[in-house]
Amino acid sequence: MRRKAILMFLLGVASLALTKAPAQADSAQDNYTAFCAKCHGPSGHGDGPGAAALSTKARDFADCNVMQKISDDTMFKVIQGGGASVGLPADMPSWSNGLSDAEIHDVVSYIHTFCKK
């Protein structure tokens, strides 16, 4: 009987883990839409409606050749502290007041989905 209870518990935990991943993906997409798409565009091409007002072109996340050279750590720092925090243009604002560290990591992962080789 105890073995069955343990098995049921483990199945419940596994079920929660499987259902949580899509929610995180949805949240990352929602955060990208709310914080990033204005400049980077809904498809990540740097062609959002706010991009025209920038003094530098918004990064094209779908450019695989460029994006594969940028580490996740650098992307995290840029989103958290803004472009100036890593020597990039200050057009990229800091989102540390709007996004938690975990949400920023999720957005970085979401950004990778724009590069389709």
Protein backbone atom coordinates (compact mmCIF):
# COMPACT_ATOMS: atom_id res chain seq x y z
CA MET A 1 0.00 0.00 0.00
CA ARG A 2 2.82 2.40 0.85
CA ARG A 3 4.51 1.71 -2.49
CA LYS A 4 1.28 2.65 -4.28
CA ALA A 5 1.03 5.91 -2.32
CA ILE A 6 4.63 6.81 -3.19
CA LEU A 7 4.00 6.01 -6.84
CA MET A 8 0.88 8.18 -6.88
CA PHE A 9 2.82 11.04 -5.25
CA LEU A 10 5.61 10.78 -7.83
CA LEU A 11 3.10 10.72 -10.68
CA GLY A 12 1.47 13.84 -9.25
CA VAL A 13 4.82 15.64 -9.05
CA ALA A 14 5.68 14.60 -12.60
CA SER A 15 2.29 15.84 -13.79
CA LEU A 16 2.85 19.22 -12.15
CA ALA A 17 6.27 19.50 -13.76
CA LEU A 18 4.85 18.73 -17.19
CA THR A 19 2.04 21.25 -16.87
CA LYS A 20 4.28 24.02 -15.52
CA ALA A 21 6.62 24.24 -18.54
CA PRO A 22 3.99 25.49 -21.02
CA ALA A 23 2.79 28.07 -18.49
CA GLN A 24 6.34 29.37 -18.18
CA ALA A 25 6.59 29.51 -21.97
CA ASP A 26 3.31 31.44 -22.15
CA SER A 27 4.55 33.81 -19.46
CA ALA A 28 7.83 34.36 -21.31
CA GLN A 29 5.95 35.15 -24.51
CA ASP A 30 3.63 37.50 -22.63
CA ASN A 31 6.61 39.26 -21.03
CA TYR A 32 8.37 39.50 -24.40
CA THR A 33 5.23 41.02 -25.91
CA ALA A 34 4.84 43.48 -23.05
CA PHE A 35 8.47 44.56 -22.67
CA CYS A 36 10.35 43.75 -25.89
CA ALA A 37 8.07 43.58 -28.94
CA LYS A 38 7.57 47.35 -29.06
CA CYS A 39 11.09 47.68 -30.44
CA HIS A 40 12.16 44.15 -31.38
CA GLY A 41 8.87 43.28 -33.08
CA PRO A 42 6.50 40.36 -32.51
CA SER A 43 8.73 38.06 -34.59
CA GLY A 44 11.99 39.40 -33.15
CA HIS A 45 13.22 41.08 -36.36
CA GLY A 46 13.89 44.47 -34.74
CA ASP A 47 10.96 45.98 -36.59
CA GLY A 48 8.55 46.85 -33.79
CA PRO A 49 6.57 50.09 -33.91
CA GLY A 50 8.96 51.81 -31.48
CA ALA A 51 12.09 50.84 -33.39
CA ALA A 52 11.91 53.83 -35.74
CA ALA A 53 12.38 56.23 -32.82
CA LEU A 54 15.64 54.56 -31.68
CA SER A 55 19.03 56.07 -32.46
CA THR A 56 20.34 52.54 -33.14
CA LYS A 57 18.54 49.66 -34.84
CA ALA A 58 16.90 47.21 -32.47
CA ARG A 59 18.60 43.80 -32.43
CA ASP A 60 17.21 41.26 -34.90
CA PHE A 61 16.78 38.13 -32.77
CA ALA A 62 16.07 36.06 -35.88
CA ASP A 63 19.59 36.68 -37.22
CA CYS A 64 21.11 33.35 -36.16
CA ASN A 65 24.65 34.31 -37.15
CA VAL A 66 24.64 37.26 -34.77
CA MET A 67 22.59 35.70 -31.98
CA GLN A 68 24.74 32.58 -31.65
CA LYS A 69 27.67 34.84 -30.71
CA ILE A 70 25.78 36.42 -27.78
CA SER A 71 25.82 34.45 -24.53
CA ASP A 72 22.73 33.96 -22.42
CA ASP A 73 24.57 35.74 -19.60
CA THR A 74 25.07 38.81 -21.79
CA MET A 75 21.42 38.79 -22.89
CA PHE A 76 20.36 38.50 -19.25
CA LYS A 77 22.55 41.47 -18.28
CA VAL A 78 21.23 43.60 -21.15
CA ILE A 79 17.60 42.91 -20.23
CA GLN A 80 18.22 43.38 -16.53
CA GLY A 81 20.50 46.43 -16.62
CA GLY A 82 19.92 47.93 -20.06
CA GLY A 83 22.29 48.22 -23.00
CA ALA A 84 24.64 50.63 -21.25
CA SER A 85 25.33 48.02 -18.55
CA VAL A 86 27.34 45.99 -21.09
CA GLY A 87 28.66 48.80 -23.27
CA LEU A 88 25.80 48.78 -25.77
CA PRO A 89 23.59 51.76 -26.68
CA ALA A 90 21.39 53.12 -23.91
CA ASP A 91 18.37 52.86 -26.24
CA MET A 92 17.87 49.44 -24.64
CA PRO A 93 16.31 50.19 -21.23
CA SER A 94 16.71 48.23 -18.01
CA TRP A 95 13.77 45.98 -17.21
CA SER A 96 14.93 45.05 -13.68
CA ASN A 97 11.96 46.90 -12.18
CA GLY A 98 9.44 45.09 -14.40
CA LEU A 99 10.84 41.56 -14.59
CA SER A 100 12.23 39.21 -11.95
CA ASP A 101 15.50 37.38 -12.59
CA ALA A 102 13.55 34.18 -13.30
CA GLU A 103 11.32 35.99 -15.79
CA ILE A 104 14.38 37.47 -17.51
CA HIS A 105 15.89 33.99 -17.86
CA ASP A 106 12.60 32.81 -19.38
CA VAL A 107 12.59 35.74 -21.83
CA VAL A 108 16.18 34.91 -22.85
CA SER A 109 15.05 31.35 -23.60
CA TYR A 110 12.06 32.67 -25.53
CA ILE A 111 14.30 34.96 -27.61
CA HIS A 112 16.17 31.86 -28.81
CA THR A 113 12.97 30.64 -30.49
CA PHE A 114 13.27 33.40 -33.12
CA CYS A 115 16.42 31.87 -34.60
CA LYS A 116 15.27 29.09 -36.90
CA LYS A 117 18.03 27.38 -38.81
